[in-house]
Structure formats: C-alpha cells, structure tokens
Amino acid sequence: MPEHNVTERLLTQLLDKMEILIKVTSIQVGEDKGTTERARLLKMAGLDNQSIAEVLNTSAATIRTMTSNLRQVRR
C-alpha cells in the first residue's frame, strides 16, 4: 500500500506542475492583444472558463460573457 501512496503523491505533484505550466504559457498568449482576443485564443486552445479567468485575472462569468459574445458575432 505505501507504493500506491507514493505513486498518488507523485501524480498529484505532476498535475500541480502541469497546471502551473499551462497558466504560465497561457499568460504569454496574445500579450499584445486585448482581453477579449486573449480569452478567444485561450478558449480555442481548449481552456475552460475558470482557467481563462485565472490567467486573465477576471471572473469566470466575465469570460463566459466574452466567449458568448464571440459565438454570437460568428453567427
């Protein structure tokens, strides 16, 4: 059983580091773009609203509105 705990701990550490890497990389996306364009780019990259909100320092509700507006513009 201790081997299982070590594996679980290592996987948790790996996931934590991956989340940090995703956030750091996401911050660099569209540095010269506005918030709406950055949100669109991050959404296209597959990030969820909460992750995008954390990267852009706003709320998930704001991101949901931005991406909803983007979908309406495409129609």
C-alpha atoms as a PDB file:
ATOM      1  CA  MET A   1       0.000   0.000   0.000  1.00  0.00           C
ATOM      2  CA  PRO A   2       2.790   2.522   0.638  1.00  0.00           C
ATOM      3  CA  GLU A   3       3.857   2.238  -3.028  1.00  0.00           C
ATOM      4  CA  HIS A   4       0.332   3.298  -4.028  1.00  0.00           C
ATOM      5  CA  ASN A   5       0.622   6.381  -1.790  1.00  0.00           C
ATOM      6  CA  VAL A   6       3.960   7.328  -3.353  1.00  0.00           C
ATOM      7  CA  THR A   7       2.521   6.967  -6.854  1.00  0.00           C
ATOM      8  CA  GLU A   8      -0.529   9.020  -5.934  1.00  0.00           C
ATOM      9  CA  ARG A   9       1.644  11.746  -4.397  1.00  0.00           C
ATOM     10  CA  LEU A  10       3.877  11.871  -7.483  1.00  0.00           C
ATOM     11  CA  LEU A  11       0.872  12.099  -9.804  1.00  0.00           C
ATOM     12  CA  THR A  12      -0.575  14.925  -7.721  1.00  0.00           C
ATOM     13  CA  GLN A  13       2.730  16.795  -7.877  1.00  0.00           C
ATOM     14  CA  LEU A  14       2.901  16.264 -11.638  1.00  0.00           C
ATOM     15  CA  LEU A  15      -0.641  17.579 -12.130  1.00  0.00           C
ATOM     16  CA  ASP A  16       0.137  20.637  -9.989  1.00  0.00           C
ATOM     17  CA  LYS A  17       3.217  21.403 -12.058  1.00  0.00           C
ATOM     18  CA  MET A  18       1.295  20.917 -15.306  1.00  0.00           C
ATOM     19  CA  GLU A  19      -1.355  23.383 -14.130  1.00  0.00           C
ATOM     20  CA  ILE A  20       1.357  25.938 -13.388  1.00  0.00           C
ATOM     21  CA  LEU A  21       2.938  25.366 -16.796  1.00  0.00           C
ATOM     22  CA  ILE A  22      -0.419  25.808 -18.542  1.00  0.00           C
ATOM     23  CA  LYS A  23      -1.041  29.074 -16.690  1.00  0.00           C
ATOM     24  CA  VAL A  24       2.432  30.461 -17.395  1.00  0.00           C
ATOM     25  CA  THR A  25       2.168  29.556 -21.073  1.00  0.00           C
ATOM     26  CA  SER A  26      -1.336  30.977 -21.259  1.00  0.00           C
ATOM     27  CA  ILE A  27      -0.195  34.303 -19.845  1.00  0.00           C
ATOM     28  CA  GLN A  28       2.106  34.640 -22.848  1.00  0.00           C
ATOM     29  CA  VAL A  29      -0.700  34.060 -25.355  1.00  0.00           C
ATOM     30  CA  GLY A  30      -1.561  37.246 -27.179  1.00  0.00           C
ATOM     31  CA  GLU A  31       0.414  39.503 -24.866  1.00  0.00           C
ATOM     32  CA  ASP A  32      -0.136  42.362 -27.287  1.00  0.00           C
ATOM     33  CA  LYS A  33      -3.874  41.625 -27.620  1.00  0.00           C
ATOM     34  CA  GLY A  34      -6.886  42.852 -25.670  1.00  0.00           C
ATOM     35  CA  THR A  35      -8.645  40.781 -23.042  1.00  0.00           C
ATOM     36  CA  THR A  36     -11.413  39.620 -25.374  1.00  0.00           C
ATOM     37  CA  GLU A  37      -8.963  38.418 -28.011  1.00  0.00           C
ATOM     38  CA  ARG A  38      -6.849  36.673 -25.390  1.00  0.00           C
ATOM     39  CA  ALA A  39      -9.960  34.982 -23.998  1.00  0.00           C
ATOM     40  CA  ARG A  40     -10.869  33.828 -27.512  1.00  0.00           C
ATOM     41  CA  LEU A  41      -7.379  32.444 -28.135  1.00  0.00           C
ATOM     42  CA  LEU A  42      -7.321  30.599 -24.822  1.00  0.00           C
ATOM     43  CA  LYS A  43     -10.805  29.203 -25.435  1.00  0.00           C
ATOM     44  CA  MET A  44      -9.680  27.950 -28.851  1.00  0.00           C
ATOM     45  CA  ALA A  45      -6.713  26.315 -27.109  1.00  0.00           C
ATOM     46  CA  GLY A  46      -9.184  24.314 -25.033  1.00  0.00           C
ATOM     47  CA  LEU A  47      -9.007  26.056 -21.664  1.00  0.00           C
ATOM     48  CA  ASP A  48     -12.176  26.197 -19.591  1.00  0.00           C
ATOM     49  CA  ASN A  49     -13.712  29.486 -18.443  1.00  0.00           C
ATOM     50  CA  GLN A  50     -12.344  29.239 -14.899  1.00  0.00           C
ATOM     51  CA  SER A  51      -8.781  28.663 -16.114  1.00  0.00           C
ATOM     52  CA  ILE A  52      -9.041  31.547 -18.569  1.00  0.00           C
ATOM     53  CA  ALA A  53     -10.413  33.775 -15.802  1.00  0.00           C
ATOM     54  CA  GLU A  54      -7.474  32.931 -13.548  1.00  0.00           C
ATOM     55  CA  VAL A  55      -4.974  33.709 -16.308  1.00  0.00           C
ATOM     56  CA  LEU A  56      -6.670  36.992 -17.248  1.00  0.00           C
ATOM     57  CA  ASN A  57      -7.361  37.955 -13.631  1.00  0.00           C
ATOM     58  CA  THR A  58     -11.127  38.213 -14.016  1.00  0.00           C
ATOM     59  CA  SER A  59     -14.195  36.126 -13.217  1.00  0.00           C
ATOM     60  CA  ALA A  60     -15.451  33.033 -14.980  1.00  0.00           C
ATOM     61  CA  ALA A  61     -18.753  34.883 -15.541  1.00  0.00           C
ATOM     62  CA  THR A  62     -16.897  37.622 -17.440  1.00  0.00           C
ATOM     63  CA  ILE A  63     -15.161  35.024 -19.610  1.00  0.00           C
ATOM     64  CA  ARG A  64     -18.474  33.259 -20.221  1.00  0.00           C
ATOM     65  CA  THR A  65     -19.958  36.580 -21.406  1.00  0.00           C
ATOM     66  CA  MET A  66     -16.952  37.335 -23.627  1.00  0.00           C
ATOM     67  CA  THR A  67     -16.962  33.937 -25.270  1.00  0.00           C
ATOM     68  CA  SER A  68     -20.754  34.016 -25.618  1.00  0.00           C
ATOM     69  CA  ASN A  69     -20.441  37.348 -27.410  1.00  0.00           C
ATOM     70  CA  LEU A  70     -17.810  35.836 -29.683  1.00  0.00           C
ATOM     71  CA  ARG A  71     -20.150  32.975 -30.608  1.00  0.00           C
ATOM     72  CA  GLN A  72     -22.926  35.470 -31.403  1.00  0.00           C
ATOM     73  CA  VAL A  73     -20.604  37.511 -33.632  1.00  0.00           C
ATOM     74  CA  ARG A  74     -19.735  34.380 -35.669  1.00  0.00           C
ATOM     75  CA  ARG A  75     -23.425  33.646 -36.376  1.00  0.00           C
END
